[in-house]
Amino acid sequence: MNRLWIFGDSFSLPYNTEIGWADLVCQKFKLRQENLACPAVDNFFIYQSVIKFLPEIDQKDYVVIGWTHPNRKTWIYNDKNPQHQQIKTNSLIYKSKHHVFFRYDGTHRPKQILNKPVDSGIDFFDSWFNNYFNEYEQRLTMQAFYHDVNSRKLKITNFFFSKESLVDTDIIGNLFALDFVIDNKLFINPDNLHFNNDGHEKWAELISKEILSTDG
């Protein structure tokens, strides 16, 4: 059975719903699902996940990558680093194939701030955002990840966090998860802008069309 490989953030998961768009796509095309998406990860995490699993992806398989907002940032966790140990309780932890990643858990982030660096009150995170963060660098890095992955001989369908997330890049996209949810009012509620059940069904239809086009 051919497989559907999925890489991305929470837009690639059945986040707070019983069934997700990936489940519906797999049912439609009779594919086995390999979903490596994780909530709130950054594009570095998504990119390295694709690279690590490349040897396992067959040319007959399908790949869907949901690129996230370029402002997100994760780090590789070092359990011997005292700073990493100290902030672990305020971090989201992700385990990939070969590494453990972490990022700020957003505890003090105002709801109206979406993927923008804000003061967390935690020196490790605030120091990076205040002294090292550069939006142009983040966007160019995402662009490099995107082009490298899409240079591989795979059946890849890409979608993106939002239209705004592609500003100052040369990436041309046509599927934008956040815009789709907001424009069509397919969110769970105004405080949870993930796909609701209808949103997953409609998004599955769009992704299915894109997947069929990769066979051409």
N, C-alpha and C. Protein backbone atom coordinates (compact mmCIF):
# COMPACT_ATOMS: atom_id res chain seq x y z
N MET A 1 0.84 -1.20 0.00
CA MET A 1 0.00 0.00 0.00
C MET A 1 0.88 1.26 0.00
N ASN A 2 0.61 2.17 -0.92
CA ASN A 2 1.35 3.43 -0.94
C ASN A 2 1.00 4.27 0.28
N ARG A 3 1.88 5.20 0.60
CA ARG A 3 1.71 5.97 1.82
C ARG A 3 1.54 7.47 1.54
N LEU A 4 0.91 8.13 2.49
CA LEU A 4 0.82 9.59 2.49
C LEU A 4 1.65 10.09 3.67
N TRP A 5 2.75 10.76 3.35
CA TRP A 5 3.63 11.32 4.36
C TRP A 5 3.22 12.77 4.61
N ILE A 6 3.09 13.12 5.89
CA ILE A 6 2.65 14.47 6.23
C ILE A 6 3.63 15.08 7.22
N PHE A 7 4.07 16.29 6.90
CA PHE A 7 4.98 17.04 7.75
C PHE A 7 4.38 18.43 7.95
N GLY A 8 4.44 18.93 9.18
CA GLY A 8 3.90 20.26 9.40
C GLY A 8 3.63 20.53 10.87
N ASP A 9 2.75 21.52 11.11
CA ASP A 9 2.37 21.89 12.47
C ASP A 9 0.95 21.43 12.75
N SER A 10 0.25 22.10 13.65
CA SER A 10 -1.08 21.64 14.05
C SER A 10 -2.12 21.70 12.94
N PHE A 11 -1.88 22.50 11.89
CA PHE A 11 -2.80 22.51 10.76
C PHE A 11 -2.76 21.19 9.98
N SER A 12 -1.78 20.36 10.28
CA SER A 12 -1.69 19.05 9.62
C SER A 12 -2.17 17.92 10.52
N LEU A 13 -2.83 18.28 11.60
CA LEU A 13 -3.33 17.31 12.57
C LEU A 13 -4.82 17.51 12.80
N PRO A 14 -5.51 16.50 13.33
CA PRO A 14 -6.90 16.68 13.77
C PRO A 14 -6.91 17.37 15.13
N TYR A 15 -6.51 18.65 15.13
CA TYR A 15 -6.32 19.41 16.37
C TYR A 15 -7.67 19.79 16.97
N ASN A 16 -7.99 19.18 18.11
CA ASN A 16 -9.27 19.38 18.79
C ASN A 16 -10.47 18.91 17.98
N THR A 17 -10.26 18.01 17.04
CA THR A 17 -11.35 17.39 16.29
C THR A 17 -11.12 15.88 16.28
N GLU A 18 -12.15 15.13 15.94
CA GLU A 18 -12.04 13.67 15.96
C GLU A 18 -11.31 13.11 14.75
N ILE A 19 -11.46 13.77 13.62
CA ILE A 19 -10.83 13.27 12.38
C ILE A 19 -10.26 14.46 11.63
N GLY A 20 -9.12 14.26 10.98
CA GLY A 20 -8.46 15.34 10.28
C GLY A 20 -8.50 15.17 8.77
N TRP A 21 -8.07 16.21 8.06
CA TRP A 21 -8.08 16.16 6.60
C TRP A 21 -7.19 15.03 6.08
N ALA A 22 -6.10 14.74 6.79
CA ALA A 22 -5.20 13.67 6.34
C ALA A 22 -5.90 12.32 6.37
N ASP A 23 -6.72 12.09 7.40
CA ASP A 23 -7.48 10.84 7.48
C ASP A 23 -8.42 10.70 6.28
N LEU A 24 -9.05 11.81 5.93
CA LEU A 24 -10.01 11.79 4.82
C LEU A 24 -9.31 11.55 3.49
N VAL A 25 -8.15 12.17 3.31
CA VAL A 25 -7.39 11.97 2.07
C VAL A 25 -6.93 10.52 1.95
N CYS A 26 -6.47 9.95 3.07
CA CYS A 26 -6.01 8.56 3.05
C CYS A 26 -7.16 7.60 2.74
N GLN A 27 -8.34 7.90 3.28
CA GLN A 27 -9.50 7.07 2.99
C GLN A 27 -9.86 7.14 1.51
N LYS A 28 -9.79 8.33 0.95
CA LYS A 28 -10.17 8.53 -0.45
C LYS A 28 -9.24 7.78 -1.41
N PHE A 29 -7.94 7.87 -1.16
CA PHE A 29 -6.97 7.28 -2.08
C PHE A 29 -6.43 5.93 -1.61
N LYS A 30 -6.99 5.44 -0.48
CA LYS A 30 -6.55 4.15 0.07
C LYS A 30 -5.03 4.14 0.31
N LEU A 31 -4.59 5.13 1.09
CA LEU A 31 -3.19 5.29 1.43
C LEU A 31 -2.96 5.02 2.91
N ARG A 32 -1.78 4.58 3.23
CA ARG A 32 -1.40 4.43 4.64
C ARG A 32 -0.79 5.74 5.11
N GLN A 33 -1.24 6.22 6.24
CA GLN A 33 -0.81 7.53 6.71
C GLN A 33 0.44 7.45 7.58
N GLU A 34 1.40 8.33 7.27
CA GLU A 34 2.60 8.52 8.08
C GLU A 34 2.64 10.00 8.45
N ASN A 35 2.07 10.33 9.59
CA ASN A 35 1.93 11.75 9.95
C ASN A 35 2.98 12.14 10.98
N LEU A 36 3.93 12.96 10.55
CA LEU A 36 5.03 13.40 11.41
C LEU A 36 4.84 14.84 11.87
N ALA A 37 3.65 15.38 11.72
CA ALA A 37 3.38 16.76 12.13
C ALA A 37 3.33 16.87 13.65
N CYS A 38 3.67 18.04 14.17
CA CYS A 38 3.61 18.33 15.61
C CYS A 38 3.09 19.74 15.81
N PRO A 39 2.28 19.98 16.85
CA PRO A 39 1.75 21.32 17.09
C PRO A 39 2.86 22.33 17.40
N ALA A 40 2.75 23.52 16.80
CA ALA A 40 3.58 24.68 17.15
C ALA A 40 5.05 24.57 16.78
N VAL A 41 5.44 23.60 15.95
CA VAL A 41 6.84 23.50 15.55
C VAL A 41 7.19 24.58 14.53
N ASP A 42 8.49 24.75 14.30
CA ASP A 42 8.94 25.73 13.32
C ASP A 42 9.35 25.05 12.02
N ASN A 43 9.76 25.84 11.04
CA ASN A 43 10.11 25.27 9.74
C ASN A 43 11.40 24.46 9.78
N PHE A 44 12.30 24.77 10.70
CA PHE A 44 13.50 23.96 10.85
C PHE A 44 13.13 22.54 11.28
N PHE A 45 12.22 22.42 12.25
CA PHE A 45 11.78 21.10 12.69
C PHE A 45 11.12 20.35 11.53
N ILE A 46 10.26 21.04 10.78
CA ILE A 46 9.57 20.41 9.65
C ILE A 46 10.58 19.95 8.60
N TYR A 47 11.52 20.82 8.27
CA TYR A 47 12.53 20.50 7.26
C TYR A 47 13.37 19.29 7.67
N GLN A 48 13.87 19.30 8.92
CA GLN A 48 14.73 18.19 9.34
C GLN A 48 13.95 16.89 9.41
N SER A 49 12.65 16.96 9.69
CA SER A 49 11.83 15.75 9.70
C SER A 49 11.76 15.14 8.30
N VAL A 50 11.56 16.00 7.30
CA VAL A 50 11.53 15.51 5.92
C VAL A 50 12.86 14.87 5.55
N ILE A 51 13.96 15.56 5.87
CA ILE A 51 15.29 15.07 5.51
C ILE A 51 15.57 13.73 6.18
N LYS A 52 15.21 13.59 7.43
CA LYS A 52 15.51 12.35 8.16
C LYS A 52 14.72 11.16 7.62
N PHE A 53 13.52 11.43 7.09
CA PHE A 53 12.68 10.32 6.60
C PHE A 53 12.80 10.11 5.09
N LEU A 54 13.60 10.91 4.41
CA LEU A 54 13.74 10.76 2.96
C LEU A 54 14.08 9.33 2.54
N PRO A 55 15.00 8.64 3.24
CA PRO A 55 15.34 7.28 2.81
C PRO A 55 14.16 6.30 2.85
N GLU A 56 13.12 6.65 3.63
CA GLU A 56 11.98 5.75 3.77
C GLU A 56 10.83 6.09 2.82
N ILE A 57 10.91 7.24 2.16
CA ILE A 57 9.82 7.68 1.28
C ILE A 57 10.04 7.12 -0.12
N ASP A 58 9.09 6.31 -0.58
CA ASP A 58 9.16 5.71 -1.90
C ASP A 58 8.69 6.72 -2.95
N GLN A 59 9.20 6.60 -4.16
CA GLN A 59 8.79 7.52 -5.22
C GLN A 59 7.32 7.39 -5.58
N LYS A 60 6.68 6.30 -5.18
CA LYS A 60 5.25 6.14 -5.42
C LYS A 60 4.41 6.72 -4.29
N ASP A 61 5.06 7.07 -3.19
CA ASP A 61 4.35 7.67 -2.06
C ASP A 61 4.02 9.13 -2.37
N TYR A 62 3.11 9.69 -1.57
CA TYR A 62 2.76 11.11 -1.68
C TYR A 62 3.22 11.83 -0.42
N VAL A 63 3.63 13.08 -0.59
CA VAL A 63 4.13 13.87 0.53
C VAL A 63 3.35 15.19 0.58
N VAL A 64 2.85 15.54 1.76
CA VAL A 64 2.23 16.84 1.97
C VAL A 64 3.01 17.56 3.05
N ILE A 65 3.43 18.78 2.76
CA ILE A 65 4.18 19.58 3.73
C ILE A 65 3.41 20.86 4.01
N GLY A 66 3.06 21.04 5.26
CA GLY A 66 2.40 22.27 5.69
C GLY A 66 3.43 23.17 6.36
N TRP A 67 4.02 24.09 5.58
CA TRP A 67 5.03 24.99 6.12
C TRP A 67 4.38 25.98 7.08
N THR A 68 5.05 26.23 8.19
CA THR A 68 4.47 27.08 9.22
C THR A 68 4.96 28.52 9.09
N HIS A 69 4.62 29.35 10.06
CA HIS A 69 5.03 30.76 10.01
C HIS A 69 6.53 30.88 10.27
N PRO A 70 7.25 31.69 9.49
CA PRO A 70 8.70 31.77 9.63
C PRO A 70 9.17 32.37 10.96
N ASN A 71 8.32 33.06 11.69
CA ASN A 71 8.75 33.65 12.96
C ASN A 71 8.92 32.62 14.07
N ARG A 72 8.42 31.43 13.89
CA ARG A 72 8.55 30.42 14.93
C ARG A 72 10.00 29.93 15.02
N LYS A 73 10.39 29.53 16.23
CA LYS A 73 11.76 29.11 16.44
C LYS A 73 11.82 27.97 17.45
N THR A 74 12.50 26.88 17.08
CA THR A 74 12.79 25.80 18.03
C THR A 74 14.31 25.64 18.13
N TRP A 75 14.72 25.00 19.22
CA TRP A 75 16.13 24.71 19.44
C TRP A 75 16.29 23.21 19.71
N ILE A 76 17.49 22.70 19.45
CA ILE A 76 17.78 21.31 19.78
C ILE A 76 18.13 21.23 21.26
N TYR A 77 17.44 20.37 21.98
CA TYR A 77 17.61 20.27 23.43
C TYR A 77 18.87 19.50 23.79
N ASN A 78 19.64 20.08 24.72
CA ASN A 78 20.84 19.44 25.25
C ASN A 78 20.63 19.19 26.73
N ASP A 79 20.46 17.93 27.12
CA ASP A 79 20.14 17.64 28.52
C ASP A 79 21.31 17.89 29.46
N LYS A 80 22.48 18.25 28.92
CA LYS A 80 23.63 18.59 29.76
C LYS A 80 23.80 20.10 29.90
N ASN A 81 22.95 20.86 29.22
CA ASN A 81 23.01 22.32 29.29
C ASN A 81 22.12 22.82 30.43
N PRO A 82 22.70 23.47 31.45
CA PRO A 82 21.90 23.92 32.61
C PRO A 82 20.77 24.87 32.23
N GLN A 83 20.99 25.73 31.23
CA GLN A 83 19.93 26.64 30.80
C GLN A 83 18.77 25.87 30.20
N HIS A 84 19.07 24.88 29.40
CA HIS A 84 18.02 24.07 28.79
C HIS A 84 17.23 23.33 29.88
N GLN A 85 17.93 22.80 30.86
CA GLN A 85 17.27 22.09 31.96
C GLN A 85 16.34 23.03 32.72
N GLN A 86 16.81 24.26 32.94
CA GLN A 86 16.06 25.22 33.75
C GLN A 86 14.75 25.65 33.09
N ILE A 87 14.77 25.79 31.78
CA ILE A 87 13.57 26.31 31.10
C ILE A 87 12.69 25.21 30.53
N LYS A 88 13.01 23.97 30.81
CA LYS A 88 12.25 22.87 30.25
C LYS A 88 10.78 22.93 30.65
N THR A 89 10.51 23.38 31.89
CA THR A 89 9.12 23.44 32.35
C THR A 89 8.30 24.51 31.64
N ASN A 90 8.98 25.47 30.98
CA ASN A 90 8.28 26.50 30.21
C ASN A 90 8.42 26.28 28.71
N SER A 91 8.67 25.03 28.34
CA SER A 91 8.93 24.72 26.94
C SER A 91 7.99 23.63 26.43
N LEU A 92 7.75 23.69 25.13
CA LEU A 92 7.14 22.57 24.42
C LEU A 92 8.28 21.67 23.96
N ILE A 93 8.16 20.38 24.20
CA ILE A 93 9.22 19.43 23.88
C ILE A 93 8.76 18.53 22.72
N TYR A 94 9.64 18.36 21.74
CA TYR A 94 9.34 17.53 20.58
C TYR A 94 10.46 16.52 20.37
N LYS A 95 10.10 15.29 20.12
CA LYS A 95 11.09 14.25 19.83
C LYS A 95 10.99 13.88 18.36
N SER A 96 12.06 14.09 17.65
CA SER A 96 12.11 13.69 16.25
C SER A 96 12.83 12.36 16.16
N LYS A 97 13.21 11.97 14.96
CA LYS A 97 13.83 10.67 14.76
C LYS A 97 15.16 10.55 15.50
N HIS A 98 15.93 11.64 15.54
CA HIS A 98 17.27 11.57 16.14
C HIS A 98 17.54 12.64 17.19
N HIS A 99 16.63 13.60 17.35
CA HIS A 99 16.90 14.71 18.26
C HIS A 99 15.66 15.05 19.08
N VAL A 100 15.89 15.81 20.14
CA VAL A 100 14.81 16.39 20.94
C VAL A 100 14.87 17.90 20.73
N PHE A 101 13.73 18.51 20.46
CA PHE A 101 13.64 19.95 20.22
C PHE A 101 12.79 20.60 21.30
N PHE A 102 12.99 21.90 21.48
CA PHE A 102 12.13 22.63 22.41
C PHE A 102 11.90 24.05 21.91
N ARG A 103 10.82 24.66 22.38
CA ARG A 103 10.53 26.06 22.10
C ARG A 103 9.68 26.61 23.24
N TYR A 104 9.58 27.92 23.30
CA TYR A 104 8.77 28.57 24.32
C TYR A 104 7.32 28.11 24.20
N ASP A 105 6.70 27.83 25.33
CA ASP A 105 5.35 27.27 25.30
C ASP A 105 4.25 28.33 25.18
N GLY A 106 4.63 29.61 25.10
CA GLY A 106 3.64 30.66 24.88
C GLY A 106 2.82 31.02 26.10
N THR A 107 3.29 30.66 27.28
CA THR A 107 2.50 30.87 28.50
C THR A 107 2.08 32.33 28.67
N HIS A 108 2.96 33.27 28.38
CA HIS A 108 2.67 34.68 28.62
C HIS A 108 2.35 35.45 27.34
N ARG A 109 2.12 34.72 26.25
CA ARG A 109 1.85 35.41 24.99
C ARG A 109 0.39 35.87 24.92
N PRO A 110 0.15 37.16 24.68
CA PRO A 110 -1.24 37.63 24.53
C PRO A 110 -1.92 36.94 23.36
N LYS A 111 -3.22 36.71 23.47
CA LYS A 111 -3.94 35.99 22.43
C LYS A 111 -3.92 36.73 21.09
N GLN A 112 -3.86 38.07 21.15
CA GLN A 112 -3.92 38.82 19.89
C GLN A 112 -2.59 38.80 19.15
N ILE A 113 -1.53 38.29 19.78
CA ILE A 113 -0.23 38.20 19.13
C ILE A 113 -0.12 36.83 18.48
N LEU A 114 0.07 36.80 17.17
CA LEU A 114 0.14 35.53 16.45
C LEU A 114 1.52 35.37 15.82
N ASN A 115 2.31 34.44 16.39
CA ASN A 115 3.63 34.13 15.85
C ASN A 115 4.55 35.33 15.78
N LYS A 116 4.38 36.28 16.70
CA LYS A 116 5.29 37.42 16.79
C LYS A 116 6.11 37.29 18.07
N PRO A 117 7.41 37.59 17.99
CA PRO A 117 8.22 37.52 19.21
C PRO A 117 7.70 38.50 20.27
N VAL A 118 7.50 38.02 21.45
CA VAL A 118 7.06 38.86 22.57
C VAL A 118 7.89 38.49 23.79
N ASP A 119 7.96 39.43 24.75
CA ASP A 119 8.69 39.15 25.98
C ASP A 119 8.00 38.03 26.74
N SER A 120 8.78 37.01 27.10
CA SER A 120 8.25 35.87 27.83
C SER A 120 8.57 35.93 29.31
N GLY A 121 9.56 36.79 29.65
CA GLY A 121 10.02 36.81 31.04
C GLY A 121 11.06 35.73 31.31
N ILE A 122 11.44 35.00 30.27
CA ILE A 122 12.45 33.94 30.40
C ILE A 122 13.66 34.36 29.59
N ASP A 123 14.80 34.55 30.26
CA ASP A 123 15.98 35.15 29.64
C ASP A 123 16.43 34.43 28.38
N PHE A 124 16.40 33.10 28.38
CA PHE A 124 16.89 32.35 27.23
C PHE A 124 16.13 32.73 25.96
N PHE A 125 14.81 32.71 26.04
CA PHE A 125 14.00 33.02 24.87
C PHE A 125 14.07 34.50 24.52
N ASP A 126 13.97 35.38 25.52
CA ASP A 126 13.96 36.81 25.25
C ASP A 126 15.29 37.29 24.69
N SER A 127 16.39 36.70 25.16
CA SER A 127 17.71 37.08 24.66
C SER A 127 17.82 36.77 23.17
N TRP A 128 17.32 35.61 22.76
CA TRP A 128 17.39 35.27 21.33
C TRP A 128 16.57 36.23 20.50
N PHE A 129 15.30 36.47 20.93
CA PHE A 129 14.42 37.33 20.14
C PHE A 129 14.91 38.78 20.12
N ASN A 130 15.48 39.22 21.24
CA ASN A 130 15.93 40.62 21.31
C ASN A 130 17.26 40.84 20.61
N ASN A 131 18.14 39.85 20.61
CA ASN A 131 19.50 40.05 20.13
C ASN A 131 19.84 39.35 18.82
N TYR A 132 19.09 38.30 18.47
CA TYR A 132 19.46 37.51 17.31
C TYR A 132 18.36 37.37 16.26
N PHE A 133 17.13 37.49 16.69
CA PHE A 133 16.02 37.30 15.75
C PHE A 133 16.04 38.34 14.65
N ASN A 134 15.86 37.88 13.41
CA ASN A 134 15.73 38.78 12.27
C ASN A 134 14.70 38.18 11.33
N GLU A 135 13.64 38.91 11.06
CA GLU A 135 12.53 38.37 10.27
C GLU A 135 12.96 38.01 8.85
N TYR A 136 13.82 38.84 8.25
CA TYR A 136 14.29 38.54 6.89
C TYR A 136 15.07 37.22 6.87
N GLU A 137 15.92 37.02 7.86
CA GLU A 137 16.69 35.78 7.94
C GLU A 137 15.77 34.58 8.07
N GLN A 138 14.75 34.70 8.92
CA GLN A 138 13.81 33.60 9.13
C GLN A 138 13.07 33.25 7.84
N ARG A 139 12.66 34.27 7.11
CA ARG A 139 11.92 34.04 5.87
C ARG A 139 12.82 33.45 4.78
N LEU A 140 14.06 33.92 4.71
CA LEU A 140 14.98 33.39 3.72
C LEU A 140 15.35 31.94 4.03
N THR A 141 15.45 31.62 5.31
CA THR A 141 15.73 30.25 5.73
C THR A 141 14.58 29.33 5.31
N MET A 142 13.35 29.77 5.54
CA MET A 142 12.19 28.98 5.10
C MET A 142 12.22 28.77 3.60
N GLN A 143 12.58 29.81 2.86
CA GLN A 143 12.66 29.71 1.40
C GLN A 143 13.68 28.65 0.99
N ALA A 144 14.82 28.62 1.68
CA ALA A 144 15.86 27.63 1.36
C ALA A 144 15.37 26.22 1.66
N PHE A 145 14.70 26.04 2.80
CA PHE A 145 14.15 24.73 3.15
C PHE A 145 13.17 24.27 2.07
N TYR A 146 12.29 25.17 1.68
CA TYR A 146 11.26 24.85 0.69
C TYR A 146 11.89 24.40 -0.63
N HIS A 147 12.86 25.16 -1.13
CA HIS A 147 13.45 24.84 -2.42
C HIS A 147 14.25 23.54 -2.36
N ASP A 148 14.93 23.29 -1.25
CA ASP A 148 15.69 22.05 -1.15
C ASP A 148 14.76 20.84 -1.18
N VAL A 149 13.72 20.87 -0.39
CA VAL A 149 12.80 19.74 -0.34
C VAL A 149 12.14 19.51 -1.69
N ASN A 150 11.75 20.59 -2.36
CA ASN A 150 11.04 20.45 -3.62
C ASN A 150 11.96 20.16 -4.81
N SER A 151 13.26 20.12 -4.56
CA SER A 151 14.19 19.69 -5.61
C SER A 151 14.31 18.16 -5.65
N ARG A 152 13.76 17.51 -4.62
CA ARG A 152 13.82 16.05 -4.58
C ARG A 152 12.80 15.46 -5.56
N LYS A 153 13.06 14.26 -6.02
CA LYS A 153 12.15 13.62 -6.98
C LYS A 153 11.04 12.90 -6.22
N LEU A 154 10.14 13.71 -5.65
CA LEU A 154 9.03 13.18 -4.87
C LEU A 154 7.73 13.84 -5.30
N LYS A 155 6.62 13.19 -4.99
CA LYS A 155 5.29 13.75 -5.28
C LYS A 155 4.88 14.62 -4.10
N ILE A 156 5.25 15.90 -4.16
CA ILE A 156 5.08 16.80 -3.02
C ILE A 156 3.96 17.79 -3.26
N THR A 157 3.11 17.93 -2.27
CA THR A 157 2.10 18.99 -2.22
C THR A 157 2.46 19.90 -1.05
N ASN A 158 2.57 21.19 -1.31
CA ASN A 158 2.90 22.16 -0.27
C ASN A 158 1.69 23.02 0.06
N PHE A 159 1.52 23.33 1.35
CA PHE A 159 0.63 24.42 1.71
C PHE A 159 1.32 25.26 2.78
N PHE A 160 0.75 26.41 3.06
CA PHE A 160 1.45 27.39 3.88
C PHE A 160 0.56 27.92 4.99
N PHE A 161 1.20 28.47 6.00
CA PHE A 161 0.48 28.98 7.17
C PHE A 161 -0.49 30.09 6.78
N SER A 162 0.01 31.06 6.02
CA SER A 162 -0.82 32.20 5.60
C SER A 162 -0.16 32.88 4.41
N LYS A 163 -0.90 33.74 3.73
CA LYS A 163 -0.31 34.53 2.65
C LYS A 163 0.79 35.42 3.19
N GLU A 164 0.56 35.98 4.36
CA GLU A 164 1.54 36.89 4.96
C GLU A 164 2.86 36.18 5.24
N SER A 165 2.81 34.88 5.51
CA SER A 165 4.02 34.14 5.86
C SER A 165 4.99 34.02 4.68
N LEU A 166 4.54 34.30 3.45
CA LEU A 166 5.40 34.21 2.27
C LEU A 166 5.93 35.56 1.82
N VAL A 167 5.58 36.62 2.53
CA VAL A 167 6.10 37.94 2.18
C VAL A 167 7.62 37.93 2.22
N ASP A 168 8.26 38.59 1.25
CA ASP A 168 9.72 38.68 1.14
C ASP A 168 10.38 37.33 0.85
N THR A 169 9.64 36.42 0.23
CA THR A 169 10.23 35.17 -0.26
C THR A 169 9.88 35.06 -1.75
N ASP A 170 10.53 34.11 -2.43
CA ASP A 170 10.19 33.89 -3.84
C ASP A 170 9.25 32.69 -4.01
N ILE A 171 8.67 32.24 -2.90
CA ILE A 171 7.77 31.10 -2.94
C ILE A 171 6.40 31.54 -3.44
N ILE A 172 5.86 30.82 -4.39
CA ILE A 172 4.52 31.10 -4.90
C ILE A 172 3.60 29.97 -4.43
N GLY A 173 2.65 30.31 -3.59
CA GLY A 173 1.74 29.30 -3.06
C GLY A 173 0.30 29.56 -3.45
N ASN A 174 -0.53 28.56 -3.30
CA ASN A 174 -1.96 28.74 -3.58
C ASN A 174 -2.85 28.16 -2.48
N LEU A 175 -2.24 27.55 -1.46
CA LEU A 175 -3.01 27.00 -0.34
C LEU A 175 -2.49 27.61 0.96
N PHE A 176 -3.36 28.34 1.65
CA PHE A 176 -2.98 29.04 2.88
C PHE A 176 -3.98 28.69 3.97
N ALA A 177 -3.52 27.90 4.94
CA ALA A 177 -4.43 27.32 5.91
C ALA A 177 -5.17 28.36 6.75
N LEU A 178 -4.44 29.31 7.33
CA LEU A 178 -5.08 30.28 8.21
C LEU A 178 -6.06 31.16 7.45
N ASP A 179 -5.67 31.64 6.28
CA ASP A 179 -6.57 32.46 5.47
C ASP A 179 -7.83 31.70 5.09
N PHE A 180 -7.65 30.43 4.73
CA PHE A 180 -8.78 29.58 4.35
C PHE A 180 -9.76 29.43 5.50
N VAL A 181 -9.24 29.19 6.68
CA VAL A 181 -10.09 29.01 7.86
C VAL A 181 -10.86 30.28 8.20
N ILE A 182 -10.14 31.42 8.20
CA ILE A 182 -10.78 32.69 8.58
C ILE A 182 -11.76 33.16 7.51
N ASP A 183 -11.34 33.13 6.25
CA ASP A 183 -12.20 33.63 5.16
C ASP A 183 -13.50 32.84 5.05
N ASN A 184 -13.44 31.55 5.34
CA ASN A 184 -14.63 30.69 5.20
C ASN A 184 -15.31 30.38 6.54
N LYS A 185 -14.80 31.00 7.61
CA LYS A 185 -15.35 30.79 8.96
C LYS A 185 -15.43 29.30 9.30
N LEU A 186 -14.34 28.61 9.06
CA LEU A 186 -14.28 27.17 9.30
C LEU A 186 -13.41 26.84 10.51
N PHE A 187 -13.27 27.81 11.42
CA PHE A 187 -12.49 27.61 12.63
C PHE A 187 -13.34 26.99 13.73
N ILE A 188 -12.67 26.41 14.71
CA ILE A 188 -13.37 25.79 15.84
C ILE A 188 -14.13 26.84 16.63
N ASN A 189 -13.48 27.95 16.96
CA ASN A 189 -14.11 29.10 17.58
C ASN A 189 -13.15 30.28 17.41
N PRO A 190 -13.59 31.52 17.71
CA PRO A 190 -12.72 32.69 17.48
C PRO A 190 -11.39 32.64 18.23
N ASP A 191 -11.31 31.86 19.29
CA ASP A 191 -10.06 31.73 20.04
C ASP A 191 -9.25 30.51 19.62
N ASN A 192 -9.79 29.71 18.72
CA ASN A 192 -9.11 28.50 18.24
C ASN A 192 -9.29 28.44 16.72
N LEU A 193 -8.31 28.95 16.00
CA LEU A 193 -8.44 29.11 14.55
C LEU A 193 -7.98 27.89 13.77
N HIS A 194 -8.08 26.72 14.36
CA HIS A 194 -7.80 25.49 13.64
C HIS A 194 -9.05 25.03 12.89
N PHE A 195 -8.85 24.13 11.93
CA PHE A 195 -9.98 23.61 11.17
C PHE A 195 -11.01 22.97 12.09
N ASN A 196 -12.29 23.30 11.88
CA ASN A 196 -13.35 22.51 12.51
C ASN A 196 -13.61 21.31 11.59
N ASN A 197 -14.62 20.51 11.91
CA ASN A 197 -14.88 19.31 11.11
C ASN A 197 -15.15 19.62 9.64
N ASP A 198 -15.97 20.65 9.40
CA ASP A 198 -16.24 21.05 8.01
C ASP A 198 -14.97 21.55 7.34
N GLY A 199 -14.16 22.25 8.10
CA GLY A 199 -12.91 22.76 7.56
C GLY A 199 -11.99 21.64 7.11
N HIS A 200 -11.91 20.58 7.92
CA HIS A 200 -11.08 19.43 7.53
C HIS A 200 -11.60 18.79 6.25
N GLU A 201 -12.92 18.69 6.12
CA GLU A 201 -13.49 18.08 4.92
C GLU A 201 -13.18 18.91 3.67
N LYS A 202 -13.35 20.21 3.78
CA LYS A 202 -13.12 21.08 2.62
C LYS A 202 -11.63 21.17 2.29
N TRP A 203 -10.80 21.19 3.32
CA TRP A 203 -9.36 21.23 3.09
C TRP A 203 -8.90 19.92 2.44
N ALA A 204 -9.48 18.81 2.87
CA ALA A 204 -9.14 17.50 2.27
C ALA A 204 -9.46 17.50 0.78
N GLU A 205 -10.54 18.15 0.38
CA GLU A 205 -10.88 18.23 -1.04
C GLU A 205 -9.80 18.99 -1.82
N LEU A 206 -9.32 20.10 -1.25
CA LEU A 206 -8.30 20.89 -1.91
C LEU A 206 -6.98 20.13 -1.99
N ILE A 207 -6.60 19.49 -0.89
CA ILE A 207 -5.35 18.73 -0.87
C ILE A 207 -5.43 17.56 -1.85
N SER A 208 -6.60 16.92 -1.94
CA SER A 208 -6.77 15.78 -2.86
C SER A 208 -6.54 16.21 -4.31
N LYS A 209 -7.04 17.37 -4.68
CA LYS A 209 -6.83 17.89 -6.04
C LYS A 209 -5.35 18.12 -6.30
N GLU A 210 -4.66 18.68 -5.31
CA GLU A 210 -3.22 18.93 -5.47
C GLU A 210 -2.44 17.63 -5.58
N ILE A 211 -2.84 16.63 -4.80
CA ILE A 211 -2.17 15.35 -4.85
C ILE A 211 -2.33 14.71 -6.23
N LEU A 212 -3.53 14.77 -6.77
CA LEU A 212 -3.76 14.21 -8.10
C LEU A 212 -2.88 14.90 -9.15
N SER A 213 -2.64 16.18 -8.97
CA SER A 213 -1.83 16.91 -9.95
C SER A 213 -0.37 16.49 -9.91
N THR A 214 0.09 15.92 -8.80
CA THR A 214 1.48 15.47 -8.71
C THR A 214 1.73 14.21 -9.53
N ASP A 215 0.66 13.52 -9.92
CA ASP A 215 0.81 12.33 -10.75
C ASP A 215 1.01 12.68 -12.22
N GLY A 216 0.77 13.96 -12.54
CA GLY A 216 0.90 14.35 -13.94
C GLY A 216 2.33 14.46 -14.36
